[in-house]
Amino acid sequence: MAGRINRANLTTIISAAILVGTEILGAALAFGWAMGSLLDLGETAKDVLIGVSLLIGAYGIWRFVQGASRIEPIRE
């Protein structure tokens, strides 16, 4: 088992994830909405496109947190 939790690094990662995550999800939502409207898709297809783009954005946030935790280890 690893050592103690480094609270400073954990706080940094959480704060960065909130900041970057908000930007990523906002951009993914805007992308899905804009592409659905631009391609003149129906409401259901537009909602599916928004959902897919949000899932891709959530995956991007997950990868960001993984990378951040490698640089700023949570456990000492």
N, C-alpha and C. Protein backbone atom coordinates (compact mmCIF):
# COMPACT_ATOMS: atom_id res chain seq x y z
N MET A 1 0.85 -1.18 0.00
CA MET A 1 0.00 0.00 0.00
C MET A 1 0.89 1.24 0.00
N ALA A 2 0.46 2.24 -0.74
CA ALA A 2 1.24 3.47 -0.83
C ALA A 2 1.14 4.26 0.47
N GLY A 3 1.89 5.35 0.51
CA GLY A 3 1.95 6.17 1.72
C GLY A 3 0.74 7.07 1.90
N ARG A 4 0.97 8.14 2.62
CA ARG A 4 -0.10 9.08 2.94
C ARG A 4 -0.54 9.86 1.70
N ILE A 5 -1.73 10.42 1.81
CA ILE A 5 -2.24 11.26 0.73
C ILE A 5 -1.63 12.64 0.85
N ASN A 6 -1.08 13.12 -0.26
CA ASN A 6 -0.52 14.46 -0.31
C ASN A 6 -1.67 15.43 -0.63
N ARG A 7 -2.15 16.12 0.40
CA ARG A 7 -3.34 16.96 0.24
C ARG A 7 -3.11 18.15 -0.68
N ALA A 8 -1.91 18.68 -0.70
CA ALA A 8 -1.62 19.82 -1.58
C ALA A 8 -1.74 19.40 -3.04
N ASN A 9 -1.16 18.26 -3.39
CA ASN A 9 -1.26 17.77 -4.76
C ASN A 9 -2.69 17.40 -5.12
N LEU A 10 -3.40 16.79 -4.18
CA LEU A 10 -4.79 16.41 -4.42
C LEU A 10 -5.64 17.65 -4.67
N THR A 11 -5.44 18.68 -3.88
CA THR A 11 -6.18 19.92 -4.06
C THR A 11 -5.87 20.56 -5.41
N THR A 12 -4.60 20.52 -5.79
CA THR A 12 -4.20 21.08 -7.09
C THR A 12 -4.86 20.34 -8.23
N ILE A 13 -4.86 19.01 -8.17
CA ILE A 13 -5.46 18.21 -9.24
C ILE A 13 -6.96 18.44 -9.31
N ILE A 14 -7.63 18.47 -8.17
CA ILE A 14 -9.08 18.69 -8.17
C ILE A 14 -9.41 20.07 -8.73
N SER A 15 -8.66 21.07 -8.30
CA SER A 15 -8.92 22.44 -8.78
C SER A 15 -8.69 22.54 -10.29
N ALA A 16 -7.61 21.96 -10.76
CA ALA A 16 -7.32 22.00 -12.20
C ALA A 16 -8.36 21.21 -12.98
N ALA A 17 -8.80 20.08 -12.44
CA ALA A 17 -9.81 19.26 -13.12
C ALA A 17 -11.13 20.02 -13.23
N ILE A 18 -11.50 20.77 -12.21
CA ILE A 18 -12.73 21.55 -12.27
C ILE A 18 -12.59 22.65 -13.32
N LEU A 19 -11.47 23.34 -13.31
CA LEU A 19 -11.26 24.44 -14.26
C LEU A 19 -11.22 23.92 -15.70
N VAL A 20 -10.37 22.94 -15.95
CA VAL A 20 -10.22 22.41 -17.31
C VAL A 20 -11.46 21.63 -17.73
N GLY A 21 -12.05 20.90 -16.79
CA GLY A 21 -13.24 20.12 -17.10
C GLY A 21 -14.42 20.97 -17.53
N THR A 22 -14.58 22.12 -16.89
CA THR A 22 -15.65 23.02 -17.28
C THR A 22 -15.46 23.51 -18.71
N GLU A 23 -14.22 23.85 -19.04
CA GLU A 23 -13.92 24.30 -20.40
C GLU A 23 -14.15 23.19 -21.42
N ILE A 24 -13.71 22.00 -21.11
CA ILE A 24 -13.84 20.88 -22.05
C ILE A 24 -15.31 20.52 -22.26
N LEU A 25 -16.09 20.43 -21.18
CA LEU A 25 -17.49 20.07 -21.33
C LEU A 25 -18.28 21.17 -22.03
N GLY A 26 -17.93 22.42 -21.75
CA GLY A 26 -18.59 23.53 -22.45
C GLY A 26 -18.30 23.50 -23.94
N ALA A 27 -17.05 23.24 -24.29
CA ALA A 27 -16.68 23.17 -25.71
C ALA A 27 -17.33 21.96 -26.38
N ALA A 28 -17.41 20.83 -25.67
CA ALA A 28 -18.03 19.63 -26.25
C ALA A 28 -19.52 19.86 -26.47
N LEU A 29 -20.17 20.49 -25.51
CA LEU A 29 -21.59 20.79 -25.66
C LEU A 29 -21.83 21.74 -26.83
N ALA A 30 -21.03 22.78 -26.91
CA ALA A 30 -21.16 23.74 -28.01
C ALA A 30 -20.88 23.08 -29.36
N PHE A 31 -19.89 22.21 -29.41
CA PHE A 31 -19.57 21.52 -30.65
C PHE A 31 -20.74 20.65 -31.11
N GLY A 32 -21.28 19.85 -30.20
CA GLY A 32 -22.40 18.98 -30.56
C GLY A 32 -23.60 19.76 -31.02
N TRP A 33 -23.92 20.84 -30.32
CA TRP A 33 -25.06 21.67 -30.70
C TRP A 33 -24.83 22.35 -32.05
N ALA A 34 -23.64 22.92 -32.24
CA ALA A 34 -23.34 23.63 -33.48
C ALA A 34 -23.32 22.69 -34.68
N MET A 35 -22.69 21.53 -34.54
CA MET A 35 -22.64 20.60 -35.66
C MET A 35 -24.02 20.03 -35.98
N GLY A 36 -24.80 19.76 -34.95
CA GLY A 36 -26.16 19.28 -35.17
C GLY A 36 -27.01 20.31 -35.90
N SER A 37 -26.84 21.56 -35.54
CA SER A 37 -27.59 22.63 -36.22
C SER A 37 -27.05 22.88 -37.62
N LEU A 38 -25.74 22.87 -37.77
CA LEU A 38 -25.14 23.13 -39.07
C LEU A 38 -25.52 22.06 -40.10
N LEU A 39 -25.55 20.82 -39.66
CA LEU A 39 -25.89 19.72 -40.56
C LEU A 39 -27.40 19.52 -40.68
N ASP A 40 -28.16 20.38 -40.00
CA ASP A 40 -29.62 20.35 -40.03
C ASP A 40 -30.16 18.96 -39.66
N LEU A 41 -29.62 18.42 -38.57
CA LEU A 41 -30.09 17.13 -38.07
C LEU A 41 -31.38 17.34 -37.29
N GLY A 42 -32.12 16.30 -37.10
CA GLY A 42 -33.33 16.38 -36.28
C GLY A 42 -32.96 16.55 -34.81
N GLU A 43 -33.96 16.80 -34.01
CA GLU A 43 -33.72 17.02 -32.58
C GLU A 43 -33.09 15.80 -31.91
N THR A 44 -33.58 14.62 -32.26
CA THR A 44 -33.04 13.41 -31.64
C THR A 44 -31.59 13.19 -32.05
N ALA A 45 -31.29 13.34 -33.32
CA ALA A 45 -29.92 13.15 -33.79
C ALA A 45 -28.99 14.21 -33.19
N LYS A 46 -29.49 15.43 -33.05
CA LYS A 46 -28.69 16.49 -32.44
C LYS A 46 -28.39 16.16 -30.98
N ASP A 47 -29.40 15.65 -30.26
CA ASP A 47 -29.19 15.26 -28.87
C ASP A 47 -28.19 14.12 -28.73
N VAL A 48 -28.25 13.17 -29.67
CA VAL A 48 -27.29 12.07 -29.66
C VAL A 48 -25.88 12.59 -29.93
N LEU A 49 -25.75 13.51 -30.88
CA LEU A 49 -24.44 14.10 -31.18
C LEU A 49 -23.90 14.87 -29.98
N ILE A 50 -24.75 15.60 -29.30
CA ILE A 50 -24.34 16.31 -28.08
C ILE A 50 -23.89 15.31 -27.02
N GLY A 51 -24.65 14.23 -26.85
CA GLY A 51 -24.29 13.21 -25.86
C GLY A 51 -22.96 12.55 -26.17
N VAL A 52 -22.73 12.24 -27.44
CA VAL A 52 -21.46 11.62 -27.84
C VAL A 52 -20.30 12.58 -27.61
N SER A 53 -20.50 13.84 -27.96
CA SER A 53 -19.42 14.81 -27.75
C SER A 53 -19.15 15.02 -26.27
N LEU A 54 -20.18 14.98 -25.43
CA LEU A 54 -19.97 15.10 -23.99
C LEU A 54 -19.23 13.89 -23.43
N LEU A 55 -19.53 12.71 -23.95
CA LEU A 55 -18.80 11.51 -23.51
C LEU A 55 -17.32 11.60 -23.90
N ILE A 56 -17.05 12.08 -25.09
CA ILE A 56 -15.66 12.27 -25.52
C ILE A 56 -14.98 13.31 -24.63
N GLY A 57 -15.71 14.37 -24.28
CA GLY A 57 -15.17 15.37 -23.37
C GLY A 57 -14.89 14.81 -21.99
N ALA A 58 -15.78 13.96 -21.49
CA ALA A 58 -15.56 13.33 -20.18
C ALA A 58 -14.32 12.43 -20.21
N TYR A 59 -14.12 11.74 -21.34
CA TYR A 59 -12.92 10.92 -21.49
C TYR A 59 -11.67 11.82 -21.50
N GLY A 60 -11.76 12.97 -22.14
CA GLY A 60 -10.65 13.91 -22.14
C GLY A 60 -10.31 14.40 -20.73
N ILE A 61 -11.34 14.64 -19.93
CA ILE A 61 -11.11 15.05 -18.55
C ILE A 61 -10.44 13.93 -17.77
N TRP A 62 -10.90 12.70 -17.98
CA TRP A 62 -10.32 11.54 -17.30
C TRP A 62 -8.82 11.42 -17.63
N ARG A 63 -8.49 11.58 -18.92
CA ARG A 63 -7.08 11.50 -19.33
C ARG A 63 -6.27 12.66 -18.74
N PHE A 64 -6.88 13.83 -18.63
CA PHE A 64 -6.21 14.97 -18.02
C PHE A 64 -5.89 14.69 -16.56
N VAL A 65 -6.84 14.14 -15.83
CA VAL A 65 -6.62 13.84 -14.41
C VAL A 65 -5.56 12.75 -14.26
N GLN A 66 -5.56 11.77 -15.14
CA GLN A 66 -4.53 10.73 -15.09
C GLN A 66 -3.15 11.33 -15.31
N GLY A 67 -3.01 12.18 -16.29
CA GLY A 67 -1.73 12.83 -16.56
C GLY A 67 -1.29 13.73 -15.43
N ALA A 68 -2.25 14.46 -14.86
CA ALA A 68 -1.93 15.36 -13.75
C ALA A 68 -1.48 14.58 -12.52
N SER A 69 -2.10 13.43 -12.29
CA SER A 69 -1.71 12.64 -11.12
C SER A 69 -0.36 11.95 -11.30
N ARG A 70 0.09 11.80 -12.55
CA ARG A 70 1.45 11.29 -12.76
C ARG A 70 2.48 12.37 -12.44
N ILE A 71 2.15 13.61 -12.77
CA ILE A 71 3.08 14.71 -12.52
C ILE A 71 3.03 15.14 -11.06
N GLU A 72 1.82 15.22 -10.50
CA GLU A 72 1.63 15.58 -9.09
C GLU A 72 1.06 14.37 -8.38
N PRO A 73 1.90 13.47 -7.89
CA PRO A 73 1.38 12.23 -7.28
C PRO A 73 0.51 12.51 -6.06
N ILE A 74 -0.61 11.80 -6.00
CA ILE A 74 -1.54 11.98 -4.89
C ILE A 74 -1.01 11.31 -3.63
N ARG A 75 -0.39 10.17 -3.79
CA ARG A 75 0.17 9.45 -2.63
C ARG A 75 1.67 9.67 -2.57
N GLU A 76 2.16 9.84 -1.36
CA GLU A 76 3.60 10.06 -1.14
C GLU A 76 4.33 8.73 -1.06
